[in-house]
């Protein structure tokens, strides 16, 4: 009986592609000049409603990024954070995970977070200037994997 159930479960319906796996996303938030509780909740709902993403929200980014094993579960980090600078361990893990192919999206004030952290500026591809704008943006490079297309 078990073999029959396994065999039936492995069959696909002709003409239908199997569903694409959902992309795991981590929203890093918890401190911001805006209502981060609202924005992070809205982003989660928006992304999950698309049917393409599974989203978790981390309100203590330093602790979350300090646990490399846990942070590595996610394919994309959405930054909705403009607070205290992270620990060296959290920063190192973040940079190594991004260098290894994890995606990053900076939302709102997170573009001006950590003004003294040069590597963060390089990840975002911009620098927030004293006049209050992100300039110059320079060329933007988008990278993705075929399974996420």
Protein backbone atom coordinates (compact mmCIF):
# COMPACT_ATOMS: atom_id res chain seq x y z
CA UNK A 1 0.00 0.00 0.00
CA UNK A 2 2.80 2.43 0.88
CA UNK A 3 4.47 1.78 -2.45
CA UNK A 4 1.24 2.57 -4.28
CA UNK A 5 0.86 5.86 -2.41
CA UNK A 6 4.48 6.81 -3.16
CA UNK A 7 4.08 5.87 -6.81
CA UNK A 8 0.91 7.94 -7.16
CA UNK A 9 2.51 10.89 -5.38
CA UNK A 10 5.41 10.86 -7.81
CA UNK A 11 3.17 11.07 -10.90
CA UNK A 12 2.68 14.43 -12.51
CA UNK A 13 -0.43 15.59 -14.31
CA UNK A 14 0.25 15.75 -18.07
CA UNK A 15 0.54 19.30 -19.36
CA UNK A 16 1.13 20.81 -15.92
CA UNK A 17 4.53 21.85 -14.74
CA UNK A 18 5.31 21.19 -11.11
CA UNK A 19 4.97 24.29 -8.95
CA UNK A 20 8.11 26.36 -8.58
CA UNK A 21 9.63 26.27 -5.13
CA UNK A 22 8.96 29.37 -3.08
CA UNK A 23 11.94 31.65 -2.51
CA UNK A 24 12.86 32.08 1.18
CA UNK A 25 13.11 35.77 2.13
CA UNK A 26 14.25 37.32 5.40
CA UNK A 27 13.11 40.87 6.23
CA UNK A 28 15.65 42.48 8.58
CA UNK A 29 13.93 45.21 10.57
CA UNK A 30 13.37 46.41 14.12
CA UNK A 31 14.70 49.96 14.09
CA UNK A 32 13.92 52.58 11.49
CA UNK A 33 12.90 56.20 11.09
CA UNK A 34 9.57 55.00 9.74
CA UNK A 35 6.88 52.64 11.02
CA UNK A 36 8.89 49.44 10.52
CA UNK A 37 6.18 47.31 12.14
CA UNK A 38 3.77 48.32 9.40
CA UNK A 39 6.24 48.24 6.51
CA UNK A 40 7.73 44.85 7.32
CA UNK A 41 4.28 43.32 7.83
CA UNK A 42 3.09 44.84 4.56
CA UNK A 43 6.15 43.54 2.69
CA UNK A 44 5.60 40.05 4.08
CA UNK A 45 1.95 40.05 2.98
CA UNK A 46 2.78 41.49 -0.44
CA UNK A 47 5.52 38.96 -1.15
CA UNK A 48 3.66 35.94 0.20
CA UNK A 49 0.47 36.87 -1.66
CA UNK A 50 2.42 36.59 -4.91
CA UNK A 51 2.76 32.87 -4.28
CA UNK A 52 6.51 33.02 -5.00
CA UNK A 53 7.99 33.76 -1.58
CA UNK A 54 8.09 32.44 1.98
CA UNK A 55 8.90 35.37 4.26
CA UNK A 56 10.16 35.61 7.81
CA UNK A 57 10.69 38.84 9.75
CA UNK A 58 13.69 39.34 12.03
CA UNK A 59 13.32 42.23 14.47
CA UNK A 60 16.83 41.71 15.89
CA UNK A 61 19.01 41.66 12.76
CA UNK A 62 22.29 41.50 14.67
CA UNK A 63 21.28 38.31 16.49
CA UNK A 64 19.77 36.81 13.34
CA UNK A 65 22.80 37.49 11.15
CA UNK A 66 25.16 36.31 13.91
CA UNK A 67 23.67 32.82 13.45
CA UNK A 68 25.15 32.01 10.05
CA UNK A 69 23.45 28.61 9.80
CA UNK A 70 20.02 30.16 10.31
CA UNK A 71 20.67 33.15 8.02
CA UNK A 72 21.94 30.89 5.24
CA UNK A 73 18.44 29.37 4.90
CA UNK A 74 17.30 32.50 3.06
CA UNK A 75 17.94 33.41 -0.57
CA UNK A 76 17.10 37.10 -0.21
CA UNK A 77 17.58 39.66 2.57
CA UNK A 78 15.19 42.62 2.54
CA UNK A 79 16.67 45.45 4.58
CA UNK A 80 14.05 47.55 6.36
CA UNK A 81 16.49 48.65 9.04
CA UNK A 82 18.19 51.86 10.06
CA UNK A 83 19.40 51.32 13.58
CA UNK A 84 22.44 50.37 15.59
CA UNK A 85 25.36 48.92 13.72
CA UNK A 86 25.62 45.13 13.84
CA UNK A 87 28.36 43.14 15.52
CA UNK A 88 31.45 42.13 13.59
CA UNK A 89 30.18 38.53 13.41
CA UNK A 90 26.80 39.59 11.99
CA UNK A 91 28.45 41.90 9.44
CA UNK A 92 30.92 39.22 8.35
CA UNK A 93 28.16 36.63 7.94
CA UNK A 94 26.02 39.08 5.96
CA UNK A 95 28.87 39.99 3.60
CA UNK A 96 29.93 36.37 3.08
CA UNK A 97 26.36 35.21 2.40
CA UNK A 98 25.82 38.01 -0.12
CA UNK A 99 29.19 37.27 -1.77
CA UNK A 100 28.03 33.66 -1.99
CA UNK A 101 24.96 34.62 -4.01
CA UNK A 102 22.26 35.74 -1.58
CA UNK A 103 20.16 38.66 -2.82
CA UNK A 104 19.74 42.02 -1.08
CA UNK A 105 16.97 44.60 -1.36
CA UNK A 106 17.29 47.86 0.61
CA UNK A 107 14.05 49.65 1.41
CA UNK A 108 13.77 53.33 2.35
CA UNK A 109 16.02 54.42 5.19
CA UNK A 110 18.11 51.27 5.07
CA UNK A 111 19.93 52.92 2.14
CA UNK A 112 21.41 55.40 4.64
CA UNK A 113 22.04 52.94 7.48
CA UNK A 114 25.62 52.30 8.58
CA UNK A 115 27.28 55.29 6.85
CA UNK A 116 30.73 54.24 8.14
CA UNK A 117 30.46 50.60 6.92
CA UNK A 118 32.10 50.75 3.47
CA UNK A 119 31.30 47.14 2.54
CA UNK A 120 27.59 47.77 3.17
CA UNK A 121 27.78 50.72 0.77
CA UNK A 122 29.37 48.44 -1.82
CA UNK A 123 26.62 45.82 -1.42
CA UNK A 124 23.94 48.46 -1.97
CA UNK A 125 25.82 50.08 -4.82
CA UNK A 126 25.20 53.60 -3.55
CA UNK A 127 26.26 56.07 -0.90
CA UNK A 128 23.85 58.36 0.92
CA UNK A 129 25.21 61.89 0.57
CA UNK A 130 25.04 64.69 3.12
CA UNK A 131 22.26 66.41 1.18
CA UNK A 132 19.97 63.48 1.87
CA UNK A 133 20.06 61.58 -1.40
CA UNK A 134 21.60 58.38 -2.69
CA UNK A 135 24.07 59.50 -5.33
CA UNK A 136 25.73 58.35 -7.42
CA UNK A 137 23.94 55.09 -8.03
CA UNK A 138 26.25 54.06 -10.83
CA UNK A 139 25.57 50.91 -12.80
CA UNK A 140 23.22 48.43 -11.17
CA UNK A 141 24.05 44.77 -11.62
CA UNK A 142 21.20 42.29 -11.26
CA UNK A 143 22.07 38.66 -10.77
CA UNK A 144 19.72 35.77 -10.40
CA UNK A 145 19.44 32.08 -10.79
CA UNK A 146 17.51 30.43 -13.58
CA UNK A 147 15.21 28.67 -11.12
CA UNK A 148 14.04 32.06 -9.83
CA UNK A 149 13.10 33.41 -13.26
